[in-house]
Amino acid sequence: MPTSKNRKGIIKHVASIIIEELKLENITAETFNPDLDLVDELGIDSMDLATIALVLQDEYKITIDEDDYPKLKTVSLIAEYIEGKLAAKN
C-alpha cells in the first residue's frame, strides 16, 4: 500500500502508475500535470482506464465501481476519489 494518504502523495503515486502502465516517456510523476484530461489530452481508452483502476484498487485496497470510471478524468479527480474511498473505510 502506498505510504502517503494525503492528496499530494496520492497524486504523485497515481501519476507514477499511469506513467508506468502507459509506458510514457520523458515524463515523471513530479512533472505530470494532475489536471491533464486523461481521455481527451492523453488518449487513454477504456481498457487503459480499467487497467489503471485495477492497479489502484490493489494498491489502495479500495473498490472502484465501473460506473465511476467516467468521473476519473484527471489525476486530481482520481486522487480526490481515492481520498473519499479511504476516508469511508476509516
PDB file of N, CA and C in Angstrom:
ATOM      1  N   MET A   1       0.844  -1.183   0.000  1.00  0.00           N
ATOM      2  CA  MET A   1       0.000   0.000   0.000  1.00  0.00           C
ATOM      3  C   MET A   1       0.889   1.246   0.000  1.00  0.00           C
ATOM      4  N   PRO A   2       0.508   2.243  -0.776  1.00  0.00           N
ATOM      5  CA  PRO A   2       1.295   3.477  -0.807  1.00  0.00           C
ATOM      6  C   PRO A   2       1.397   4.083   0.589  1.00  0.00           C
ATOM      7  N   THR A   3       2.522   4.703   0.848  1.00  0.00           N
ATOM      8  CA  THR A   3       2.750   5.240   2.184  1.00  0.00           C
ATOM      9  C   THR A   3       1.996   6.536   2.424  1.00  0.00           C
ATOM     10  N   SER A   4       1.822   7.347   1.405  1.00  0.00           N
ATOM     11  CA  SER A   4       1.196   8.650   1.585  1.00  0.00           C
ATOM     12  C   SER A   4      -0.290   8.588   1.279  1.00  0.00           C
ATOM     13  N   LYS A   5      -1.091   9.110   2.215  1.00  0.00           N
ATOM     14  CA  LYS A   5      -2.529   9.126   2.005  1.00  0.00           C
ATOM     15  C   LYS A   5      -3.050  10.547   1.858  1.00  0.00           C
ATOM     16  N   ASN A   6      -2.128  11.531   1.748  1.00  0.00           N
ATOM     17  CA  ASN A   6      -2.596  12.891   1.517  1.00  0.00           C
ATOM     18  C   ASN A   6      -2.718  13.122   0.013  1.00  0.00           C
ATOM     19  N   ARG A   7      -3.426  14.159  -0.356  1.00  0.00           N
ATOM     20  CA  ARG A   7      -3.750  14.397  -1.770  1.00  0.00           C
ATOM     21  C   ARG A   7      -2.500  14.485  -2.635  1.00  0.00           C
ATOM     22  N   LYS A   8      -1.502  15.227  -2.177  1.00  0.00           N
ATOM     23  CA  LYS A   8      -0.275  15.400  -2.971  1.00  0.00           C
ATOM     24  C   LYS A   8       0.425  14.052  -3.186  1.00  0.00           C
ATOM     25  N   GLY A   9       0.506  13.247  -2.139  1.00  0.00           N
ATOM     26  CA  GLY A   9       1.133  11.931  -2.251  1.00  0.00           C
ATOM     27  C   GLY A   9       0.357  10.996  -3.157  1.00  0.00           C
ATOM     28  N   ILE A  10      -0.975  11.054  -3.060  1.00  0.00           N
ATOM     29  CA  ILE A  10      -1.816  10.208  -3.919  1.00  0.00           C
ATOM     30  C   ILE A  10      -1.661  10.630  -5.367  1.00  0.00           C
ATOM     31  N   ILE A  11      -1.656  11.930  -5.622  1.00  0.00           N
ATOM     32  CA  ILE A  11      -1.491  12.425  -6.997  1.00  0.00           C
ATOM     33  C   ILE A  11      -0.188  11.905  -7.581  1.00  0.00           C
ATOM     34  N   LYS A  12       0.884  12.012  -6.822  1.00  0.00           N
ATOM     35  CA  LYS A  12       2.196  11.562  -7.297  1.00  0.00           C
ATOM     36  C   LYS A  12       2.180  10.051  -7.576  1.00  0.00           C
ATOM     37  N   HIS A  13       1.560   9.286  -6.684  1.00  0.00           N
ATOM     38  CA  HIS A  13       1.510   7.837  -6.846  1.00  0.00           C
ATOM     39  C   HIS A  13       0.653   7.444  -8.052  1.00  0.00           C
ATOM     40  N   VAL A  14      -0.507   8.074  -8.201  1.00  0.00           N
ATOM     41  CA  VAL A  14      -1.388   7.786  -9.337  1.00  0.00           C
ATOM     42  C   VAL A  14      -0.681   8.144 -10.648  1.00  0.00           C
ATOM     43  N   ALA A  15      -0.002   9.287 -10.670  1.00  0.00           N
ATOM     44  CA  ALA A  15       0.734   9.695 -11.870  1.00  0.00           C
ATOM     45  C   ALA A  15       1.799   8.660 -12.219  1.00  0.00           C
ATOM     46  N   SER A  16       2.509   8.158 -11.213  1.00  0.00           N
ATOM     47  CA  SER A  16       3.557   7.164 -11.494  1.00  0.00           C
ATOM     48  C   SER A  16       2.949   5.865 -12.035  1.00  0.00           C
ATOM     49  N   ILE A  17       1.772   5.490 -11.547  1.00  0.00           N
ATOM     50  CA  ILE A  17       1.095   4.292 -12.065  1.00  0.00           C
ATOM     51  C   ILE A  17       0.700   4.495 -13.523  1.00  0.00           C
ATOM     52  N   ILE A  18       0.140   5.664 -13.834  1.00  0.00           N
ATOM     53  CA  ILE A  18      -0.270   5.953 -15.213  1.00  0.00           C
ATOM     54  C   ILE A  18       0.946   5.967 -16.131  1.00  0.00           C
ATOM     55  N   ILE A  19       2.017   6.589 -15.692  1.00  0.00           N
ATOM     56  CA  ILE A  19       3.247   6.638 -16.498  1.00  0.00           C
ATOM     57  C   ILE A  19       3.759   5.226 -16.763  1.00  0.00           C
ATOM     58  N   GLU A  20       3.754   4.396 -15.736  1.00  0.00           N
ATOM     59  CA  GLU A  20       4.246   3.022 -15.885  1.00  0.00           C
ATOM     60  C   GLU A  20       3.329   2.179 -16.763  1.00  0.00           C
ATOM     61  N   GLU A  21       2.019   2.242 -16.507  1.00  0.00           N
ATOM     62  CA  GLU A  21       1.066   1.420 -17.256  1.00  0.00           C
ATOM     63  C   GLU A  21       1.010   1.802 -18.733  1.00  0.00           C
ATOM     64  N   LEU A  22       1.122   3.092 -19.016  1.00  0.00           N
ATOM     65  CA  LEU A  22       1.035   3.564 -20.399  1.00  0.00           C
ATOM     66  C   LEU A  22       2.395   3.681 -21.065  1.00  0.00           C
ATOM     67  N   LYS A  23       3.433   3.353 -20.285  1.00  0.00           N
ATOM     68  CA  LYS A  23       4.808   3.425 -20.794  1.00  0.00           C
ATOM     69  C   LYS A  23       5.113   4.791 -21.409  1.00  0.00           C
ATOM     70  N   LEU A  24       4.759   5.830 -20.664  1.00  0.00           N
ATOM     71  CA  LEU A  24       5.022   7.195 -21.120  1.00  0.00           C
ATOM     72  C   LEU A  24       6.496   7.506 -20.920  1.00  0.00           C
ATOM     73  N   GLU A  25       7.069   8.182 -21.892  1.00  0.00           N
ATOM     74  CA  GLU A  25       8.477   8.528 -21.825  1.00  0.00           C
ATOM     75  C   GLU A  25       8.634  10.027 -21.605  1.00  0.00           C
ATOM     76  N   ASN A  26       9.779  10.412 -21.087  1.00  0.00           N
ATOM     77  CA  ASN A  26      10.138  11.816 -20.876  1.00  0.00           C
ATOM     78  C   ASN A  26       9.183  12.542 -19.941  1.00  0.00           C
ATOM     79  N   ILE A  27       8.592  11.820 -19.011  1.00  0.00           N
ATOM     80  CA  ILE A  27       7.725  12.444 -18.024  1.00  0.00           C
ATOM     81  C   ILE A  27       7.884  11.706 -16.704  1.00  0.00           C
ATOM     82  N   THR A  28       7.829  12.454 -15.618  1.00  0.00           N
ATOM     83  CA  THR A  28       7.945  11.846 -14.297  1.00  0.00           C
ATOM     84  C   THR A  28       6.690  12.186 -13.500  1.00  0.00           C
ATOM     85  N   ALA A  29       6.522  11.526 -12.374  1.00  0.00           N
ATOM     86  CA  ALA A  29       5.372  11.821 -11.515  1.00  0.00           C
ATOM     87  C   ALA A  29       5.406  13.279 -11.059  1.00  0.00           C
ATOM     88  N   GLU A  30       6.608  13.832 -10.901  1.00  0.00           N
ATOM     89  CA  GLU A  30       6.750  15.216 -10.458  1.00  0.00           C
ATOM     90  C   GLU A  30       6.353  16.206 -11.550  1.00  0.00           C
ATOM     91  N   THR A  31       6.550  15.841 -12.819  1.00  0.00           N
ATOM     92  CA  THR A  31       6.254  16.767 -13.914  1.00  0.00           C
ATOM     93  C   THR A  31       4.898  16.495 -14.558  1.00  0.00           C
ATOM     94  N   PHE A  32       4.220  15.441 -14.129  1.00  0.00           N
ATOM     95  CA  PHE A  32       2.917  15.085 -14.696  1.00  0.00           C
ATOM     96  C   PHE A  32       1.884  16.121 -14.255  1.00  0.00           C
ATOM     97  N   ASN A  33       1.136  16.686 -15.200  1.00  0.00           N
ATOM     98  CA  ASN A  33       0.107  17.676 -14.886  1.00  0.00           C
ATOM     99  C   ASN A  33      -1.128  16.953 -14.332  1.00  0.00           C
ATOM    100  N   PRO A  34      -1.446  17.122 -13.044  1.00  0.00           N
ATOM    101  CA  PRO A  34      -2.559  16.384 -12.452  1.00  0.00           C
ATOM    102  C   PRO A  34      -3.929  16.796 -12.984  1.00  0.00           C
ATOM    103  N   ASP A  35      -3.997  17.903 -13.723  1.00  0.00           N
ATOM    104  CA  ASP A  35      -5.269  18.361 -14.279  1.00  0.00           C
ATOM    105  C   ASP A  35      -5.406  18.039 -15.765  1.00  0.00           C
ATOM    106  N   LEU A  36      -4.460  17.297 -16.299  1.00  0.00           N
ATOM    107  CA  LEU A  36      -4.496  16.862 -17.690  1.00  0.00           C
ATOM    108  C   LEU A  36      -5.662  15.899 -17.882  1.00  0.00           C
ATOM    109  N   ASP A  37      -6.492  16.138 -18.891  1.00  0.00           N
ATOM    110  CA  ASP A  37      -7.614  15.240 -19.163  1.00  0.00           C
ATOM    111  C   ASP A  37      -7.063  13.950 -19.761  1.00  0.00           C
ATOM    112  N   LEU A  38      -7.207  12.871 -19.030  1.00  0.00           N
ATOM    113  CA  LEU A  38      -6.583  11.605 -19.422  1.00  0.00           C
ATOM    114  C   LEU A  38      -7.147  11.054 -20.720  1.00  0.00           C
ATOM    115  N   VAL A  39      -8.431  11.274 -20.966  1.00  0.00           N
ATOM    116  CA  VAL A  39      -9.053  10.745 -22.180  1.00  0.00           C
ATOM    117  C   VAL A  39      -8.807  11.676 -23.360  1.00  0.00           C
ATOM    118  N   ASP A  40      -9.172  12.947 -23.200  1.00  0.00           N
ATOM    119  CA  ASP A  40      -9.095  13.891 -24.317  1.00  0.00           C
ATOM    120  C   ASP A  40      -7.676  14.325 -24.657  1.00  0.00           C
ATOM    121  N   GLU A  41      -6.827  14.513 -23.646  1.00  0.00           N
ATOM    122  CA  GLU A  41      -5.490  15.034 -23.902  1.00  0.00           C
ATOM    123  C   GLU A  41      -4.411  13.955 -23.959  1.00  0.00           C
ATOM    124  N   LEU A  42      -4.615  12.865 -23.201  1.00  0.00           N
ATOM    125  CA  LEU A  42      -3.592  11.814 -23.166  1.00  0.00           C
ATOM    126  C   LEU A  42      -3.984  10.617 -24.020  1.00  0.00           C
ATOM    127  N   GLY A  43      -5.266  10.518 -24.349  1.00  0.00           N
ATOM    128  CA  GLY A  43      -5.723   9.445 -25.231  1.00  0.00           C
ATOM    129  C   GLY A  43      -5.930   8.105 -24.551  1.00  0.00           C
ATOM    130  N   ILE A  44      -6.183   8.115 -23.241  1.00  0.00           N
ATOM    131  CA  ILE A  44      -6.446   6.867 -22.526  1.00  0.00           C
ATOM    132  C   ILE A  44      -7.786   6.316 -22.991  1.00  0.00           C
ATOM    133  N   ASP A  45      -7.819   5.028 -23.306  1.00  0.00           N
ATOM    134  CA  ASP A  45      -9.084   4.408 -23.690  1.00  0.00           C
ATOM    135  C   ASP A  45      -9.658   3.636 -22.508  1.00  0.00           C
ATOM    136  N   SER A  46     -10.809   3.026 -22.703  1.00  0.00           N
ATOM    137  CA  SER A  46     -11.495   2.357 -21.596  1.00  0.00           C
ATOM    138  C   SER A  46     -10.696   1.184 -21.046  1.00  0.00           C
ATOM    139  N   MET A  47      -9.943   0.490 -21.896  1.00  0.00           N
ATOM    140  CA  MET A  47      -9.114  -0.627 -21.419  1.00  0.00           C
ATOM    141  C   MET A  47      -7.961  -0.117 -20.547  1.00  0.00           C
ATOM    142  N   ASP A  48      -7.333   0.982 -20.966  1.00  0.00           N
ATOM    143  CA  ASP A  48      -6.266   1.584 -20.162  1.00  0.00           C
ATOM    144  C   ASP A  48      -6.809   2.010 -18.801  1.00  0.00           C
ATOM    145  N   LEU A  49      -7.975   2.649 -18.815  1.00  0.00           N
ATOM    146  CA  LEU A  49      -8.564   3.128 -17.567  1.00  0.00           C
ATOM    147  C   LEU A  49      -8.922   1.957 -16.655  1.00  0.00           C
ATOM    148  N   ALA A  50      -9.444   0.888 -17.233  1.00  0.00           N
ATOM    149  CA  ALA A  50      -9.782  -0.299 -16.439  1.00  0.00           C
ATOM    150  C   ALA A  50      -8.526  -0.896 -15.806  1.00  0.00           C
ATOM    151  N   THR A  51      -7.450  -0.958 -16.562  1.00  0.00           N
ATOM    152  CA  THR A  51      -6.183  -1.482 -16.042  1.00  0.00           C
ATOM    153  C   THR A  51      -5.673  -0.610 -14.897  1.00  0.00           C
ATOM    154  N   ILE A  52      -5.694   0.694 -15.094  1.00  0.00           N
ATOM    155  CA  ILE A  52      -5.243   1.626 -14.060  1.00  0.00           C
ATOM    156  C   ILE A  52      -6.128   1.493 -12.817  1.00  0.00           C
ATOM    157  N   ALA A  53      -7.439   1.382 -13.017  1.00  0.00           N
ATOM    158  CA  ALA A  53      -8.363   1.229 -11.890  1.00  0.00           C
ATOM    159  C   ALA A  53      -8.063  -0.045 -11.102  1.00  0.00           C
ATOM    160  N   LEU A  54      -7.763  -1.130 -11.808  1.00  0.00           N
ATOM    161  CA  LEU A  54      -7.438  -2.388 -11.125  1.00  0.00           C
ATOM    162  C   LEU A  54      -6.168  -2.245 -10.281  1.00  0.00           C
ATOM    163  N   VAL A  55      -5.165  -1.589 -10.835  1.00  0.00           N
ATOM    164  CA  VAL A  55      -3.919  -1.377 -10.098  1.00  0.00           C
ATOM    165  C   VAL A  55      -4.197  -0.527  -8.853  1.00  0.00           C
ATOM    166  N   LEU A  56      -4.984   0.541  -9.016  1.00  0.00           N
ATOM    167  CA  LEU A  56      -5.300   1.415  -7.884  1.00  0.00           C
ATOM    168  C   LEU A  56      -6.085   0.672  -6.805  1.00  0.00           C
ATOM    169  N   GLN A  57      -7.009  -0.182  -7.233  1.00  0.00           N
ATOM    170  CA  GLN A  57      -7.777  -0.973  -6.268  1.00  0.00           C
ATOM    171  C   GLN A  57      -6.848  -1.870  -5.448  1.00  0.00           C
ATOM    172  N   ASP A  58      -5.907  -2.502  -6.121  1.00  0.00           N
ATOM    173  CA  ASP A  58      -4.950  -3.370  -5.426  1.00  0.00           C
ATOM    174  C   ASP A  58      -4.056  -2.571  -4.485  1.00  0.00           C
ATOM    175  N   GLU A  59      -3.558  -1.442  -4.967  1.00  0.00           N
ATOM    176  CA  GLU A  59      -2.613  -0.640  -4.194  1.00  0.00           C
ATOM    177  C   GLU A  59      -3.261  -0.007  -2.962  1.00  0.00           C
ATOM    178  N   TYR A  60      -4.477   0.509  -3.130  1.00  0.00           N
ATOM    179  CA  TYR A  60      -5.131   1.241  -2.042  1.00  0.00           C
ATOM    180  C   TYR A  60      -6.167   0.400  -1.294  1.00  0.00           C
ATOM    181  N   LYS A  61      -6.374  -0.843  -1.730  1.00  0.00           N
ATOM    182  CA  LYS A  61      -7.352  -1.735  -1.083  1.00  0.00           C
ATOM    183  C   LYS A  61      -8.742  -1.101  -1.032  1.00  0.00           C
ATOM    184  N   ILE A  62      -9.154  -0.553  -2.194  1.00  0.00           N
ATOM    185  CA  ILE A  62     -10.481   0.055  -2.322  1.00  0.00           C
ATOM    186  C   ILE A  62     -11.194  -0.593  -3.498  1.00  0.00           C
ATOM    187  N   THR A  63     -12.470  -0.289  -3.646  1.00  0.00           N
ATOM    188  CA  THR A  63     -13.234  -0.738  -4.798  1.00  0.00           C
ATOM    189  C   THR A  63     -13.590   0.478  -5.637  1.00  0.00           C
ATOM    190  N   ILE A  64     -13.311   0.395  -6.927  1.00  0.00           N
ATOM    191  CA  ILE A  64     -13.686   1.466  -7.849  1.00  0.00           C
ATOM    192  C   ILE A  64     -14.776   0.901  -8.750  1.00  0.00           C
ATOM    193  N   ASP A  65     -15.978   1.443  -8.629  1.00  0.00           N
ATOM    194  CA  ASP A  65     -17.104   0.968  -9.437  1.00  0.00           C
ATOM    195  C   ASP A  65     -16.928   1.389 -10.885  1.00  0.00           C
ATOM    196  N   GLU A  66     -17.257   0.470 -11.797  1.00  0.00           N
ATOM    197  CA  GLU A  66     -17.139   0.795 -13.221  1.00  0.00           C
ATOM    198  C   GLU A  66     -17.981   2.019 -13.573  1.00  0.00           C
ATOM    199  N   ASP A  67     -19.094   2.202 -12.889  1.00  0.00           N
ATOM    200  CA  ASP A  67     -19.958   3.362 -13.149  1.00  0.00           C
ATOM    201  C   ASP A  67     -19.244   4.675 -12.828  1.00  0.00           C
ATOM    202  N   ASP A  68     -18.198   4.601 -11.988  1.00  0.00           N
ATOM    203  CA  ASP A  68     -17.450   5.804 -11.608  1.00  0.00           C
ATOM    204  C   ASP A  68     -16.319   6.147 -12.583  1.00  0.00           C
ATOM    205  N   TYR A  69     -15.979   5.235 -13.474  1.00  0.00           N
ATOM    206  CA  TYR A  69     -14.865   5.479 -14.400  1.00  0.00           C
ATOM    207  C   TYR A  69     -14.983   6.813 -15.140  1.00  0.00           C
ATOM    208  N   PRO A  70     -16.176   7.179 -15.652  1.00  0.00           N
ATOM    209  CA  PRO A  70     -16.262   8.465 -16.372  1.00  0.00           C
ATOM    210  C   PRO A  70     -15.897   9.677 -15.517  1.00  0.00           C
ATOM    211  N   LYS A  71     -16.029   9.565 -14.191  1.00  0.00           N
ATOM    212  CA  LYS A  71     -15.675  10.671 -13.296  1.00  0.00           C
ATOM    213  C   LYS A  71     -14.166  10.828 -13.147  1.00  0.00           C
ATOM    214  N   LEU A  72     -13.417   9.778 -13.473  1.00  0.00           N
ATOM    215  CA  LEU A  72     -11.970   9.760 -13.220  1.00  0.00           C
ATOM    216  C   LEU A  72     -11.214  10.277 -14.436  1.00  0.00           C
ATOM    217  N   LYS A  73     -11.432  11.553 -14.742  1.00  0.00           N
ATOM    218  CA  LYS A  73     -10.883  12.137 -15.959  1.00  0.00           C
ATOM    219  C   LYS A  73      -9.490  12.727 -15.801  1.00  0.00           C
ATOM    220  N   THR A  74      -9.111  13.058 -14.571  1.00  0.00           N
ATOM    221  CA  THR A  74      -7.789  13.639 -14.322  1.00  0.00           C
ATOM    222  C   THR A  74      -7.170  12.963 -13.104  1.00  0.00           C
ATOM    223  N   VAL A  75      -5.883  13.110 -12.961  1.00  0.00           N
ATOM    224  CA  VAL A  75      -5.200  12.548 -11.793  1.00  0.00           C
ATOM    225  C   VAL A  75      -5.725  13.225 -10.523  1.00  0.00           C
ATOM    226  N   SER A  76      -6.004  14.520 -10.588  1.00  0.00           N
ATOM    227  CA  SER A  76      -6.552  15.225  -9.425  1.00  0.00           C
ATOM    228  C   SER A  76      -7.891  14.629  -9.001  1.00  0.00           C
ATOM    229  N   LEU A  77      -8.764  14.346  -9.975  1.00  0.00           N
ATOM    230  CA  LEU A  77     -10.068  13.760  -9.663  1.00  0.00           C
ATOM    231  C   LEU A  77      -9.919  12.338  -9.128  1.00  0.00           C
ATOM    232  N   ILE A  78      -8.971  11.589  -9.674  1.00  0.00           N
ATOM    233  CA  ILE A  78      -8.716  10.230  -9.183  1.00  0.00           C
ATOM    234  C   ILE A  78      -8.242  10.291  -7.733  1.00  0.00           C
ATOM    235  N   ALA A  79      -7.334  11.224  -7.427  1.00  0.00           N
ATOM    236  CA  ALA A  79      -6.822  11.368  -6.058  1.00  0.00           C
ATOM    237  C   ALA A  79      -7.948  11.726  -5.098  1.00  0.00           C
ATOM    238  N   GLU A  80      -8.820  12.630  -5.521  1.00  0.00           N
ATOM    239  CA  GLU A  80      -9.963  13.027  -4.694  1.00  0.00           C
ATOM    240  C   GLU A  80     -10.877  11.817  -4.446  1.00  0.00           C
ATOM    241  N   TYR A  81     -11.109  11.031  -5.486  1.00  0.00           N
ATOM    242  CA  TYR A  81     -11.940   9.828  -5.387  1.00  0.00           C
ATOM    243  C   TYR A  81     -11.322   8.835  -4.405  1.00  0.00           C
ATOM    244  N   ILE A  82     -10.020   8.599  -4.532  1.00  0.00           N
ATOM    245  CA  ILE A  82      -9.326   7.668  -3.647  1.00  0.00           C
ATOM    246  C   ILE A  82      -9.392   8.167  -2.205  1.00  0.00           C
ATOM    247  N   GLU A  83      -9.177   9.466  -1.994  1.00  0.00           N
ATOM    248  CA  GLU A  83      -9.272  10.030  -0.648  1.00  0.00           C
ATOM    249  C   GLU A  83     -10.635   9.757  -0.035  1.00  0.00           C
ATOM    250  N   GLY A  84     -11.682   9.934  -0.832  1.00  0.00           N
ATOM    251  CA  GLY A  84     -13.039   9.692  -0.359  1.00  0.00           C
ATOM    252  C   GLY A  84     -13.253   8.232   0.025  1.00  0.00           C
ATOM    253  N   LYS A  85     -12.740   7.338  -0.806  1.00  0.00           N
ATOM    254  CA  LYS A  85     -12.860   5.894  -0.530  1.00  0.00           C
ATOM    255  C   LYS A  85     -12.089   5.511   0.738  1.00  0.00           C
ATOM    256  N   LEU A  86     -10.891   6.066   0.892  1.00  0.00           N
ATOM    257  CA  LEU A  86     -10.091   5.768   2.084  1.00  0.00           C
ATOM    258  C   LEU A  86     -10.749   6.317   3.336  1.00  0.00           C
ATOM    259  N   ALA A  87     -11.320   7.509   3.242  1.00  0.00           N
ATOM    260  CA  ALA A  87     -11.994   8.110   4.396  1.00  0.00           C
ATOM    261  C   ALA A  87     -13.220   7.290   4.787  1.00  0.00           C
ATOM    262  N   ALA A  88     -13.933   6.762   3.798  1.00  0.00           N
ATOM    263  CA  ALA A  88     -15.131   5.968   4.061  1.00  0.00           C
ATOM    264  C   ALA A  88     -14.784   4.653   4.749  1.00  0.00           C
ATOM    265  N   LYS A  89     -13.579   4.155   4.497  1.00  0.00           N
ATOM    266  CA  LYS A  89     -13.135   2.896   5.118  1.00  0.00           C
ATOM    267  C   LYS A  89     -12.821   3.075   6.594  1.00  0.00           C
ATOM    268  N   ASN A  90     -12.402   4.276   6.981  1.00  0.00           N
ATOM    269  CA  ASN A  90     -11.953   4.524   8.361  1.00  0.00           C
ATOM    270  C   ASN A  90     -13.044   5.008   9.266  1.00  0.00           C
TER     271      ASN A  90
END
